[in-house]
């Protein structure tokens, strides 16, 4: 791709420059980042540097590469599974590690740098072989202020590389190649599947350029089995992951449903942007993190509009969707989502590389109406207008068969995903969202008459009793999380009831100054209390024999009617209501 210039006079020197420029920025960027790391770290070495840069989602990808995906229930009594992180890049690193037995993060960092370097080479023809723009692009990707995202174990390096490859294939009207690359892209990140729209738009534009009409475009596509295969194979990576999750977890859409455990809730993108812009700094003038995220989203959408104005409709739609889709939930990771969109950075570096006069000319020409359009009566050769020979007829039949197999497989996988095979606890928490407390098999040991501290000093004993809906313990107790919390402990069969003594404190934030708590035992409501003030309060109540029956475990549920969310847009799984400080059970003496 980038080395095609070798064939032309003087092209050898251009090819050397194309290869050398990103290499220089690889070395320069690495030196800059390592110098910053070494200035504050007492542990030298590239391995320590790579580990220091492993932040945020990086740790998830390391775990996937080393351990794969969990089944359900998730080990460690967690409600956050790795299912939300797509598999292609961790699989690639795991495959390389099987050949080179190096630490995962070290190997992943080298692979990310290699992917980013390759992305620069692929960008050369996309930049119309503009050396000034190419230098800017390489500098941005490999040594710029956002180069961290492209040199550690995040999906951005592979995503940028594959995106660039897809658009290069579309530029050359290599639809099947674009489809295969799109399949890999859809297995890298969820939004990668959206690039299929860019493929269809490019098909439409090429067809119109040959004189075809808009109304006859569907018929043209149906008459081209190679185009059908290119379209249907584009989401193959996503569908393969859906099938994998269905077979291992029972829920093909687990990557979507697990977002609840990360606190992502659907909302108004405009409200999220406004909230981000409104998060002004309390001191100084530098924008806050929410402001940076909101500005990144606005700049990304503005650049997408510029792409549309320049008639790069497929790239514009792809980039806009890649920004709006995550923006529906919140602004988290928005900066890296935007800088990881290759069409936007290619556009930006192209504009920045132009002189003022050139930029004005490009801007005016982009708005100018087309001087001429292809005549609809130009006699374009349509696929059904000529009679194919026997070999072409056989090849066409084979492509139709492959398209039918792809379509059938995707329909079957979609049907499986729409009918998850999961237990009631999974469905209630992840799918139906009727509870904020994911029930698990945790059962703690307990001796009657023993007081268990739910502060930091009693962490080990209390850990076995906590089922869900708790955070901590910390110095002032174990905080409730969500709208329901549960404790479960093993008890010997009792004929009489029990007396429960709990020390609790309300979480208050004016105007909310009270917390109502309903306590149930083994599904039987046994007590209701209203807590007020910040000071701990001792709450005692009797658990009747009817609640105990012949149960071997005691399942205690705390339902909170006045939970306080940390912010108006926050998920209900983050609501705060009480702090539990201690717990005690005593047998009721026979009367």
Protein backbone atom coordinates (compact mmCIF):
# COMPACT_ATOMS: atom_id res chain seq x y z
CA UNK A 1 0.00 0.00 0.00
CA UNK A 2 2.41 2.70 1.22
CA UNK A 3 5.27 1.20 -0.79
CA UNK A 4 3.54 1.48 -4.16
CA UNK A 5 5.49 4.66 -4.84
CA UNK A 6 8.67 2.59 -5.28
CA UNK A 7 7.60 1.77 -8.82
CA UNK A 8 7.71 5.41 -9.89
CA UNK A 9 10.81 7.54 -10.56
CA UNK A 10 12.06 8.88 -7.27
CA UNK A 11 9.56 6.71 -5.47
CA UNK A 12 12.27 4.83 -3.61
CA UNK A 13 13.07 7.91 -1.53
CA UNK A 14 9.40 8.51 -0.82
CA UNK A 15 9.01 4.91 0.30
CA UNK A 16 11.98 5.25 2.65
CA UNK A 17 10.43 8.41 4.11
CA UNK A 18 7.03 6.74 4.52
CA UNK A 19 8.62 3.89 6.48
CA UNK A 20 11.07 6.04 8.43
CA UNK A 21 8.81 8.89 9.58
CA UNK A 22 6.54 6.80 11.84
CA UNK A 23 9.57 4.85 13.05
CA UNK A 24 11.19 8.09 14.21
CA UNK A 25 8.01 9.05 16.05
CA UNK A 26 7.83 5.57 17.63
CA UNK A 27 11.32 6.08 19.06
CA UNK A 28 10.73 9.71 19.99
CA UNK A 29 7.37 9.05 21.62
CA UNK A 30 8.72 6.11 23.55
CA UNK A 31 11.66 8.19 24.77
CA UNK A 32 9.37 11.02 25.91
CA UNK A 33 6.95 8.75 27.77
CA UNK A 34 9.72 6.67 29.32
CA UNK A 35 11.56 9.79 30.49
CA UNK A 36 8.39 11.01 32.20
CA UNK A 37 7.96 7.58 33.80
CA UNK A 38 11.60 7.35 34.94
CA UNK A 39 11.42 10.81 36.53
CA UNK A 40 8.83 9.66 39.06
CA UNK A 41 9.45 5.89 39.34
CA UNK A 42 12.04 4.15 41.46
CA UNK A 43 11.76 0.95 39.41
CA UNK A 44 13.55 1.16 36.03
CA UNK A 45 13.03 -1.01 32.96
CA UNK A 46 10.60 -1.26 30.06
CA UNK A 47 8.52 -3.93 31.83
CA UNK A 48 7.90 -1.59 34.78
CA UNK A 49 7.13 1.23 32.34
CA UNK A 50 4.60 -0.92 30.47
CA UNK A 51 2.96 -1.94 33.73
CA UNK A 52 2.77 1.67 34.92
CA UNK A 53 0.91 2.66 31.76
CA UNK A 54 -1.63 -0.15 32.18
CA UNK A 55 -4.63 1.83 33.38
CA UNK A 56 -8.43 1.66 33.18
CA UNK A 57 -9.61 -1.02 30.73
CA UNK A 58 -6.05 -2.28 30.25
CA UNK A 59 -6.29 -4.53 33.31
CA UNK A 60 -9.44 -6.16 31.90
CA UNK A 61 -7.71 -7.02 28.64
CA UNK A 62 -4.73 -8.47 30.51
CA UNK A 63 -7.11 -10.73 32.47
CA UNK A 64 -8.94 -11.83 29.31
CA UNK A 65 -5.67 -12.58 27.54
CA UNK A 66 -4.42 -14.65 30.48
CA UNK A 67 -7.61 -16.26 31.82
CA UNK A 68 -10.31 -15.89 29.18
CA UNK A 69 -13.93 -15.13 29.99
CA UNK A 70 -15.81 -16.22 33.11
CA UNK A 71 -18.91 -18.32 33.19
CA UNK A 72 -21.82 -17.47 35.48
CA UNK A 73 -21.82 -17.16 38.44
CA UNK A 74 -18.70 -15.05 38.30
CA UNK A 75 -15.90 -16.27 40.61
CA UNK A 76 -15.22 -14.07 43.61
CA UNK A 77 -18.89 -13.17 44.01
CA UNK A 78 -18.54 -10.27 41.59
CA UNK A 79 -21.34 -8.88 39.46
CA UNK A 80 -18.87 -7.41 36.93
CA UNK A 81 -17.83 -9.89 34.26
CA UNK A 82 -15.29 -9.50 31.48
CA UNK A 83 -18.00 -10.03 28.88
CA UNK A 84 -18.24 -6.33 28.01
CA UNK A 85 -14.74 -6.36 26.47
CA UNK A 86 -14.47 -7.78 22.98
CA UNK A 87 -12.10 -10.67 22.33
CA UNK A 88 -10.00 -10.09 19.19
CA UNK A 89 -7.14 -8.07 20.64
CA UNK A 90 -6.74 -10.18 23.82
CA UNK A 91 -6.80 -13.29 21.60
CA UNK A 92 -4.11 -11.81 19.37
CA UNK A 93 -1.87 -11.05 22.36
CA UNK A 94 -2.50 -14.52 23.81
CA UNK A 95 -1.53 -16.10 20.47
CA UNK A 96 1.69 -14.08 20.33
CA UNK A 97 2.45 -14.97 23.95
CA UNK A 98 2.21 -18.65 23.09
CA UNK A 99 5.21 -18.09 20.78
CA UNK A 100 7.08 -15.51 22.84
CA UNK A 101 6.71 -16.29 26.57
CA UNK A 102 6.98 -12.71 27.82
CA UNK A 103 4.85 -10.91 30.44
CA UNK A 104 1.45 -10.11 28.96
CA UNK A 105 1.55 -6.35 29.45
CA UNK A 106 5.06 -6.11 27.98
CA UNK A 107 4.07 -8.12 24.92
CA UNK A 108 0.81 -6.20 24.54
CA UNK A 109 2.62 -2.86 24.65
CA UNK A 110 5.00 -3.96 21.89
CA UNK A 111 2.05 -5.25 19.84
CA UNK A 112 0.16 -1.97 20.31
CA UNK A 113 3.14 0.04 19.10
CA UNK A 114 3.45 -2.28 16.09
CA UNK A 115 -0.27 -1.89 15.27
CA UNK A 116 -0.04 1.90 15.55
CA UNK A 117 3.02 1.93 13.31
CA UNK A 118 1.18 -0.21 10.74
CA UNK A 119 -1.84 2.11 10.99
CA UNK A 120 0.41 5.00 9.97
CA UNK A 121 1.61 3.10 6.88
CA UNK A 122 -1.97 2.32 5.87
CA UNK A 123 -2.93 5.97 6.35
CA UNK A 124 -0.41 7.12 3.69
CA UNK A 125 -2.69 6.46 0.68
CA UNK A 126 -5.74 7.61 2.68
CA UNK A 127 -3.95 10.94 3.16
CA UNK A 128 -3.57 11.15 -0.64
CA UNK A 129 0.20 10.77 -0.11
CA UNK A 130 0.39 14.23 1.45
CA UNK A 131 3.70 14.16 3.33
CA UNK A 132 2.89 17.13 5.56
CA UNK A 133 -0.37 15.54 6.67
CA UNK A 134 1.38 12.18 7.03
CA UNK A 135 3.99 13.61 9.40
CA UNK A 136 1.26 15.22 11.52
CA UNK A 137 -0.73 11.99 11.60
CA UNK A 138 2.27 9.91 12.67
CA UNK A 139 3.19 12.47 15.33
CA UNK A 140 -0.36 12.47 16.69
CA UNK A 141 -0.63 8.70 16.83
CA UNK A 142 2.85 7.79 18.10
CA UNK A 143 4.20 10.69 20.13
CA UNK A 144 1.38 13.18 20.61
CA UNK A 145 -0.52 13.97 23.80
CA UNK A 146 -2.91 11.06 23.20
CA UNK A 147 -0.27 8.54 22.10
CA UNK A 148 -0.66 6.75 25.43
CA UNK A 149 -3.89 5.24 24.13
CA UNK A 150 -2.10 3.74 21.13
CA UNK A 151 0.90 2.24 22.94
CA UNK A 152 -0.63 0.23 25.80
CA UNK A 153 -3.05 -2.69 26.09
CA UNK A 154 -6.20 -0.94 24.88
CA UNK A 155 -8.17 -1.75 21.74
CA UNK A 156 -7.45 1.60 20.08
CA UNK A 157 -4.27 0.49 18.22
CA UNK A 158 -5.97 -2.49 16.54
CA UNK A 159 -9.21 -0.55 16.04
CA UNK A 160 -7.41 2.30 14.25
CA UNK A 161 -5.41 -0.15 12.11
CA UNK A 162 -8.45 -2.18 11.04
CA UNK A 163 -10.58 0.93 10.46
CA UNK A 164 -7.88 2.39 8.21
CA UNK A 165 -7.62 -0.90 6.32
CA UNK A 166 -11.40 -1.02 5.80
CA UNK A 167 -11.54 2.50 4.37
CA UNK A 168 -8.51 1.85 2.19
CA UNK A 169 -10.24 -1.24 0.79
CA UNK A 170 -13.38 0.81 0.18
CA UNK A 171 -11.32 3.50 -1.51
CA UNK A 172 -10.20 0.81 -3.95
CA UNK A 173 -13.72 -0.70 -4.20
CA UNK A 174 -12.40 -3.99 -2.78
CA UNK A 175 -15.66 -4.85 -1.08
CA UNK A 176 -14.90 -8.42 -0.06
CA UNK A 177 -11.60 -7.35 1.52
CA UNK A 178 -13.47 -4.58 3.31
CA UNK A 179 -16.04 -7.11 4.54
CA UNK A 180 -13.40 -9.47 5.93
CA UNK A 181 -11.64 -6.61 7.68
CA UNK A 182 -14.99 -5.37 8.99
CA UNK A 183 -15.59 -8.80 10.53
CA UNK A 184 -12.33 -8.42 12.46
CA UNK A 185 -13.28 -4.87 13.42
CA UNK A 186 -16.63 -6.03 14.80
CA UNK A 187 -14.75 -8.50 17.04
CA UNK A 188 -12.51 -5.71 18.34
CA UNK A 189 -15.13 -3.28 19.62
CA UNK A 190 -18.92 -3.27 19.42
CA UNK A 191 -19.07 -0.09 17.35
CA UNK A 192 -16.84 -1.74 14.76
CA UNK A 193 -19.91 -3.47 13.31
CA UNK A 194 -21.23 -0.06 12.23
CA UNK A 195 -18.62 0.20 9.49
CA UNK A 196 -20.87 -2.00 7.33
CA UNK A 197 -22.94 1.13 6.66
CA UNK A 198 -19.87 2.80 5.18
CA UNK A 199 -19.45 -0.22 2.92
CA UNK A 200 -23.04 -0.02 1.66
CA UNK A 201 -22.74 3.73 1.11
CA UNK A 202 -19.55 3.25 -0.92
CA UNK A 203 -21.28 0.57 -3.00
CA UNK A 204 -24.11 3.00 -3.66
CA UNK A 205 -21.77 5.80 -4.68
CA UNK A 206 -19.80 3.55 -7.02
CA UNK A 207 -23.01 2.31 -8.57
CA UNK A 208 -24.31 5.85 -9.08
CA UNK A 209 -20.97 6.88 -10.60
CA UNK A 210 -21.48 4.18 -13.24
CA UNK A 211 -24.85 5.60 -14.16
CA UNK A 212 -27.15 3.45 -12.04
CA UNK A 213 -30.27 4.91 -10.47
CA UNK A 214 -31.03 4.96 -6.78
CA UNK A 215 -34.18 2.90 -7.24
CA UNK A 216 -32.36 0.11 -9.04
CA UNK A 217 -29.55 -0.09 -6.44
CA UNK A 218 -31.15 -2.88 -4.33
CA UNK A 219 -31.65 -4.97 -7.47
CA UNK A 220 -28.01 -4.38 -8.41
CA UNK A 221 -26.79 -5.56 -5.02
CA UNK A 222 -29.00 -8.65 -5.13
CA UNK A 223 -27.58 -9.41 -8.54
CA UNK A 224 -24.03 -9.28 -7.19
CA UNK A 225 -23.44 -12.23 -4.82
CA UNK A 226 -19.94 -10.94 -4.04
CA UNK A 227 -21.48 -7.76 -2.62
CA UNK A 228 -23.97 -9.77 -0.57
CA UNK A 229 -21.11 -11.81 0.90
CA UNK A 230 -19.17 -8.62 1.69
CA UNK A 231 -22.16 -7.15 3.53
CA UNK A 232 -23.15 -10.29 5.40
CA UNK A 233 -19.63 -11.20 6.47
CA UNK A 234 -19.00 -7.73 7.96
CA UNK A 235 -20.72 -8.46 11.33
CA UNK A 236 -19.35 -12.03 11.51
CA UNK A 237 -16.95 -11.17 14.34
CA UNK A 238 -19.78 -9.80 16.46
CA UNK A 239 -22.02 -12.79 15.77
CA UNK A 240 -19.19 -15.20 16.61
CA UNK A 241 -18.79 -13.48 19.98
CA UNK A 242 -22.55 -13.58 20.57
CA UNK A 243 -22.53 -17.33 19.92
CA UNK A 244 -19.56 -17.81 22.26
CA UNK A 245 -21.32 -15.94 25.08
CA UNK A 246 -24.52 -17.92 24.55
CA UNK A 247 -22.63 -21.22 24.81
CA UNK A 248 -20.58 -20.19 27.87
CA UNK A 249 -22.84 -17.79 29.81
CA UNK A 250 -26.26 -18.59 28.35
CA UNK A 251 -26.76 -14.98 27.26
CA UNK A 252 -25.55 -13.93 23.82
CA UNK A 253 -26.05 -10.27 24.71
CA UNK A 254 -24.07 -10.52 27.95
CA UNK A 255 -21.70 -7.85 26.61
CA UNK A 256 -24.65 -5.43 26.66
CA UNK A 257 -26.37 -6.64 29.81
CA UNK A 258 -23.18 -6.53 31.91
CA UNK A 259 -23.00 -2.78 31.32
CA UNK A 260 -25.48 -2.46 34.15
CA UNK A 261 -22.83 -3.66 36.59
CA UNK A 262 -20.60 -0.83 35.35
CA UNK A 263 -23.36 1.65 36.15
CA UNK A 264 -24.14 2.55 32.53
CA UNK A 265 -27.74 3.63 32.05
CA UNK A 266 -29.37 4.98 28.91
CA UNK A 267 -30.02 8.69 28.91
CA UNK A 268 -30.15 11.82 26.81
CA UNK A 269 -26.80 12.44 25.05
CA UNK A 270 -27.43 16.18 25.04
CA UNK A 271 -28.01 16.10 28.80
CA UNK A 272 -24.74 14.20 29.32
CA UNK A 273 -22.86 16.76 27.23
CA UNK A 274 -24.47 19.65 29.10
CA UNK A 275 -23.68 18.07 32.47
CA UNK A 276 -20.08 17.57 31.35
CA UNK A 277 -19.69 21.17 30.20
CA UNK A 278 -21.30 22.39 33.43
CA UNK A 279 -18.74 20.58 35.62
CA UNK A 280 -16.61 23.71 35.96
CA UNK A 281 -13.32 23.51 37.89
CA UNK A 282 -13.47 24.60 41.52
CA UNK A 283 -9.95 26.03 41.34
CA UNK A 284 -7.82 27.16 38.43
CA UNK A 285 -8.84 27.46 34.80
CA UNK A 286 -8.01 24.05 33.33
CA UNK A 287 -11.12 22.11 32.21
CA UNK A 288 -12.29 19.23 34.37
CA UNK A 289 -12.34 15.63 33.14
CA UNK A 290 -16.10 15.81 32.33
CA UNK A 291 -15.51 19.01 30.38
CA UNK A 292 -12.72 17.39 28.36
CA UNK A 293 -15.01 14.46 27.59
CA UNK A 294 -17.89 16.71 26.53
CA UNK A 295 -15.57 18.83 24.36
CA UNK A 296 -14.16 15.67 22.75
CA UNK A 297 -17.68 14.51 21.85
CA UNK A 298 -18.58 17.91 20.36
CA UNK A 299 -15.34 18.15 18.38
CA UNK A 300 -15.80 14.58 17.12
CA UNK A 301 -19.35 15.29 15.95
CA UNK A 302 -18.23 18.55 14.33
CA UNK A 303 -15.48 16.74 12.42
CA UNK A 304 -18.01 14.10 11.38
CA UNK A 305 -20.13 16.90 9.94
CA UNK A 306 -17.09 18.19 8.03
CA UNK A 307 -16.60 14.69 6.59
CA UNK A 308 -20.20 14.78 5.40
CA UNK A 309 -19.71 18.22 3.86
CA UNK A 310 -16.68 16.84 2.01
CA UNK A 311 -18.93 14.04 0.73
CA UNK A 312 -17.22 11.31 2.73
CA UNK A 313 -20.63 10.10 3.82
CA UNK A 314 -19.65 6.59 4.89
CA UNK A 315 -16.84 7.79 7.15
CA UNK A 316 -19.06 10.58 8.51
CA UNK A 317 -21.88 8.20 9.44
CA UNK A 318 -19.49 5.66 10.94
CA UNK A 319 -17.72 8.23 13.13
CA UNK A 320 -20.93 9.94 14.26
CA UNK A 321 -22.46 6.59 15.27
CA UNK A 322 -19.27 5.57 17.10
CA UNK A 323 -19.57 8.73 19.19
CA UNK A 324 -23.33 8.83 19.74
CA UNK A 325 -23.73 5.15 20.69
CA UNK A 326 -21.53 5.29 23.83
CA UNK A 327 -22.75 8.83 24.50
CA UNK A 328 -26.24 7.42 25.08
CA UNK A 329 -24.98 5.99 28.39
CA UNK A 330 -22.47 8.61 29.62
CA UNK A 331 -19.25 10.44 28.81
CA UNK A 332 -16.93 7.74 30.14
CA UNK A 333 -13.85 7.14 27.92
CA UNK A 334 -15.17 9.62 25.36
CA UNK A 335 -11.76 11.20 24.72
CA UNK A 336 -10.14 7.94 23.66
CA UNK A 337 -13.22 6.92 21.68
CA UNK A 338 -12.91 10.11 19.60
CA UNK A 339 -9.13 10.11 19.12
CA UNK A 340 -9.38 6.44 18.12
CA UNK A 341 -11.52 7.21 15.06
CA UNK A 342 -9.07 7.13 12.17
CA UNK A 343 -11.24 9.07 9.65
CA UNK A 344 -11.44 12.01 12.06
CA UNK A 345 -7.71 12.19 12.76
CA UNK A 346 -6.94 11.77 9.05
CA UNK A 347 -9.32 14.64 8.27
CA UNK A 348 -7.88 16.83 11.02
CA UNK A 349 -4.27 16.33 9.98
CA UNK A 350 -5.21 16.97 6.35
CA UNK A 351 -6.82 20.28 7.27
CA UNK A 352 -3.96 21.30 9.54
CA UNK A 353 -1.39 20.50 6.87
CA UNK A 354 -2.98 22.82 4.32
CA UNK A 355 -2.05 26.45 3.87
CA UNK A 356 -4.72 29.04 4.53
CA UNK A 357 -5.35 29.48 0.81
CA UNK A 358 -5.50 25.74 0.21
CA UNK A 359 -7.76 25.23 3.20
CA UNK A 360 -10.14 27.94 1.95
CA UNK A 361 -10.17 26.39 -1.52
CA UNK A 362 -10.92 22.95 -0.09
CA UNK A 363 -13.66 24.33 2.11
CA UNK A 364 -15.32 26.27 -0.71
CA UNK A 365 -15.05 23.34 -3.13
CA UNK A 366 -16.59 21.02 -0.57
CA UNK A 367 -19.68 23.22 -0.43
CA UNK A 368 -19.83 23.84 -4.17
CA UNK A 369 -22.41 21.78 -6.06
CA UNK A 370 -21.15 19.10 -8.36
CA UNK A 371 -20.36 20.57 -11.80
CA UNK A 372 -21.43 17.45 -13.54
CA UNK A 373 -23.11 14.19 -12.74
CA UNK A 374 -22.96 10.93 -14.64
CA UNK A 375 -25.80 10.52 -17.05
CA UNK A 376 -28.33 7.94 -16.01
CA UNK A 377 -28.55 6.91 -19.61
CA UNK A 378 -24.82 6.36 -20.03
CA UNK A 379 -25.26 2.71 -20.82
CA UNK A 380 -23.60 1.33 -17.68
CA UNK A 381 -23.19 -2.43 -17.81
CA UNK A 382 -25.32 -4.02 -15.11
CA UNK A 383 -24.61 -7.50 -13.78
CA UNK A 384 -27.75 -9.02 -15.18
CA UNK A 385 -27.29 -7.47 -18.64
CA UNK A 386 -24.67 -9.97 -19.78
CA UNK A 387 -24.80 -13.73 -19.91
CA UNK A 388 -22.12 -15.30 -17.69
CA UNK A 389 -20.17 -18.31 -18.85
CA UNK A 390 -20.42 -21.68 -17.09
CA UNK A 391 -17.42 -21.00 -14.80
CA UNK A 392 -18.73 -17.59 -13.81
CA UNK A 393 -22.18 -19.09 -13.29
CA UNK A 394 -20.72 -21.70 -10.92
CA UNK A 395 -18.71 -19.08 -9.03
CA UNK A 396 -21.82 -16.90 -8.73
CA UNK A 397 -23.82 -19.84 -7.39
CA UNK A 398 -21.08 -20.52 -4.84
CA UNK A 399 -21.17 -16.91 -3.63
CA UNK A 400 -24.94 -16.97 -3.33
CA UNK A 401 -24.64 -20.16 -1.30
CA UNK A 402 -22.07 -18.56 1.00
CA UNK A 403 -24.29 -15.48 1.42
CA UNK A 404 -27.24 -17.70 2.31
CA UNK A 405 -25.15 -19.64 4.85
CA UNK A 406 -23.95 -16.39 6.45
CA UNK A 407 -27.47 -14.97 6.60
CA UNK A 408 -28.90 -18.20 8.01
CA UNK A 409 -26.17 -18.52 10.66
CA UNK A 410 -26.63 -14.92 11.77
CA UNK A 411 -30.41 -15.34 12.00
CA UNK A 412 -29.99 -18.50 14.12
CA UNK A 413 -27.43 -16.83 16.41
CA UNK A 414 -29.69 -13.79 16.80
CA UNK A 415 -32.63 -16.07 17.69
CA UNK A 416 -30.52 -17.79 20.36
CA UNK A 417 -29.41 -14.45 21.78
CA UNK A 418 -33.01 -13.25 21.99
CA UNK A 419 -33.89 -16.32 24.08
CA UNK A 420 -31.20 -16.45 26.80
CA UNK A 421 -30.75 -19.66 28.79
CA UNK A 422 -30.02 -18.17 32.23
CA UNK A 423 -31.23 -18.64 35.77
CA UNK A 424 -33.70 -16.38 37.56
CA UNK A 425 -31.03 -14.44 39.47
CA UNK A 426 -29.12 -13.57 36.30
CA UNK A 427 -32.32 -12.53 34.50
CA UNK A 428 -33.55 -10.38 37.39
CA UNK A 429 -30.29 -8.44 37.71
CA UNK A 430 -28.87 -8.17 34.18
CA UNK A 431 -31.84 -8.48 31.81
CA UNK A 432 -35.08 -7.49 33.57
CA UNK A 433 -33.27 -5.16 36.03
CA UNK A 434 -35.88 -5.82 38.70
CA UNK A 435 -33.27 -5.91 41.45
CA UNK A 436 -30.00 -4.17 42.21
CA UNK A 437 -28.76 -7.10 44.30
CA UNK A 438 -27.34 -10.04 42.32
CA UNK A 439 -28.08 -13.12 44.41
CA UNK A 440 -25.16 -15.51 44.89
CA UNK A 441 -24.43 -18.69 46.78
CA UNK A 442 -22.53 -16.97 49.59
CA UNK A 443 -23.26 -18.41 53.05
CA UNK A 444 -21.35 -17.25 56.12
CA UNK A 445 -20.76 -19.24 59.28
CA UNK A 446 -22.16 -17.78 62.48
CA UNK A 447 -22.43 -18.68 66.16
CA UNK A 448 -25.50 -17.44 68.06
CA UNK A 449 -24.67 -14.77 70.60
CA UNK A 450 -21.67 -13.54 68.62
CA UNK A 451 -21.39 -9.86 67.64
CA UNK A 452 -19.93 -9.44 64.18
CA UNK A 453 -18.34 -6.09 63.37
CA UNK A 454 -19.03 -4.68 59.92
CA UNK A 455 -16.27 -2.12 60.30
CA UNK A 456 -12.76 -2.62 58.95
CA UNK A 457 -11.76 -4.70 61.99
CA UNK A 458 -14.39 -7.35 61.20
CA UNK A 459 -13.84 -7.60 57.46
CA UNK A 460 -12.84 -11.27 57.40
CA UNK A 461 -15.80 -12.53 59.44
CA UNK A 462 -18.38 -10.29 57.75
CA UNK A 463 -17.18 -11.07 54.22
CA UNK A 464 -18.72 -14.54 54.20
CA UNK A 465 -22.10 -13.23 55.30
CA UNK A 466 -22.44 -10.50 52.66
CA UNK A 467 -24.33 -11.71 49.59
CA UNK A 468 -24.85 -8.53 47.58
CA UNK A 469 -25.66 -4.86 47.87
CA UNK A 470 -22.74 -3.91 50.10
CA UNK A 471 -19.63 -1.78 49.74
CA UNK A 472 -16.72 -1.90 52.15
CA UNK A 473 -16.12 -2.40 54.98
CA UNK A 474 -14.48 0.89 55.91
CA UNK A 475 -13.85 2.61 59.23
CA UNK A 476 -17.47 3.78 59.69
CA UNK A 477 -19.07 0.47 58.64
CA UNK A 478 -20.24 -1.40 55.56
CA UNK A 479 -22.24 0.83 53.23
CA UNK A 480 -25.35 -0.36 51.45
CA UNK A 481 -25.25 -0.20 47.67
CA UNK A 482 -28.38 -0.12 45.52
CA UNK A 483 -32.00 -0.59 46.56
CA UNK A 484 -31.55 -3.95 48.31
CA UNK A 485 -28.83 -5.59 50.39
CA UNK A 486 -28.66 -9.19 51.60
CA UNK A 487 -26.93 -11.19 54.31
CA UNK A 488 -26.94 -14.97 54.48
CA UNK A 489 -25.64 -17.20 57.25
CA UNK A 490 -25.71 -20.82 58.26
CA UNK A 491 -27.70 -21.61 61.43
CA UNK A 492 -28.76 -24.72 63.25
CA UNK A 493 -32.49 -25.60 63.20
CA UNK A 494 -34.43 -23.66 65.84
CA UNK A 495 -37.86 -24.24 67.32
CA UNK A 496 -38.17 -20.75 68.73
CA UNK A 497 -37.45 -17.38 67.21
CA UNK A 498 -34.40 -15.18 67.25
CA UNK A 499 -33.68 -11.66 68.44
CA UNK A 500 -31.65 -9.61 65.99
CA UNK A 501 -29.65 -6.61 67.17
CA UNK A 502 -28.13 -4.39 64.51
CA UNK A 503 -26.26 -1.13 64.75
CA UNK A 504 -26.99 1.06 61.74
CA UNK A 505 -26.67 4.67 60.64
CA UNK A 506 -28.51 6.56 57.93
CA UNK A 507 -26.85 8.07 54.90
CA UNK A 508 -28.38 11.53 54.56
CA UNK A 509 -28.07 14.36 52.09
CA UNK A 510 -30.47 17.30 52.61
CA UNK A 511 -33.28 17.48 51.77
CA UNK A 512 -33.20 13.67 52.29
CA UNK A 513 -32.69 13.40 56.08
CA UNK A 514 -34.28 10.01 56.79
CA UNK A 515 -33.94 6.48 55.49
CA UNK A 516 -36.74 3.92 55.60
CA UNK A 517 -35.57 0.32 55.76
CA UNK A 518 -37.74 -2.81 55.44
CA UNK A 519 -36.13 -6.00 56.75
CA UNK A 520 -37.25 -9.46 55.62
CA UNK A 521 -36.01 -12.89 56.69
CA UNK A 522 -36.38 -15.84 54.34
CA UNK A 523 -38.99 -13.86 52.41
CA UNK A 524 -41.05 -12.92 55.49
CA UNK A 525 -41.23 -9.24 56.43
CA UNK A 526 -40.17 -8.93 60.07
CA UNK A 527 -39.38 -5.28 60.74
CA UNK A 528 -39.45 -1.74 59.35
CA UNK A 529 -37.49 1.17 60.73
CA UNK A 530 -36.88 4.81 59.85
CA UNK A 531 -33.35 6.02 60.52
CA UNK A 532 -32.50 9.70 60.88
CA UNK A 533 -29.38 11.62 61.72
CA UNK A 534 -25.80 10.61 61.16
CA UNK A 535 -25.24 8.91 64.50
CA UNK A 536 -25.46 5.09 64.68
CA UNK A 537 -28.65 3.63 66.09
CA UNK A 538 -29.27 0.22 67.65
CA UNK A 539 -32.19 -1.59 66.03
CA UNK A 540 -33.64 -4.74 67.62
CA UNK A 541 -36.44 -6.97 66.40
CA UNK A 542 -37.69 -10.51 66.76
CA UNK A 543 -37.48 -13.04 63.95
CA UNK A 544 -40.54 -15.27 64.45
CA UNK A 545 -40.46 -19.07 64.07
CA UNK A 546 -42.58 -18.73 60.92
CA UNK A 547 -39.66 -17.01 59.19
CA UNK A 548 -37.26 -19.72 60.29
CA UNK A 549 -39.40 -22.77 59.58
CA UNK A 550 -36.93 -25.61 58.97
CA UNK A 551 -34.50 -23.52 56.99
CA UNK A 552 -30.81 -24.26 57.41
CA UNK A 553 -29.82 -20.74 56.34
CA UNK A 554 -30.96 -17.31 57.36
CA UNK A 555 -31.45 -14.99 54.37
CA UNK A 556 -31.86 -11.39 55.55
CA UNK A 557 -32.90 -8.76 52.99
CA UNK A 558 -32.76 -5.01 53.54
CA UNK A 559 -34.97 -3.00 51.18
CA UNK A 560 -34.35 0.74 51.02
CA UNK A 561 -37.15 3.10 50.09
CA UNK A 562 -35.22 6.38 50.14
CA UNK A 563 -31.83 5.58 48.61
CA UNK A 564 -29.73 8.54 47.50
CA UNK A 565 -28.02 8.34 44.09
CA UNK A 566 -24.58 9.98 43.81
CA UNK A 567 -25.87 12.07 40.87
CA UNK A 568 -29.22 12.51 39.10
CA UNK A 569 -28.04 10.45 36.09
CA UNK A 570 -26.41 7.67 38.14
CA UNK A 571 -27.64 4.08 37.99
CA UNK A 572 -29.80 2.85 40.86
CA UNK A 573 -27.15 0.24 41.69
CA UNK A 574 -25.14 3.09 43.23
CA UNK A 575 -27.81 4.38 45.60
CA UNK A 576 -26.69 4.83 49.23
CA UNK A 577 -29.00 4.35 52.21
CA UNK A 578 -27.37 2.99 55.38
CA UNK A 579 -24.13 1.99 57.05
CA UNK A 580 -24.19 -1.32 58.93
CA UNK A 581 -21.80 -1.29 61.88
CA UNK A 582 -22.53 -4.54 63.74
CA UNK A 583 -24.79 -7.60 63.70
CA UNK A 584 -25.87 -10.02 66.43
CA UNK A 585 -28.39 -12.85 66.82
CA UNK A 586 -29.63 -14.33 70.12
CA UNK A 587 -32.11 -17.17 70.62
CA UNK A 588 -35.47 -16.24 72.07
CA UNK A 589 -35.90 -17.90 75.41
CA UNK A 590 -38.93 -20.23 75.52
CA UNK A 591 -41.79 -18.44 77.25
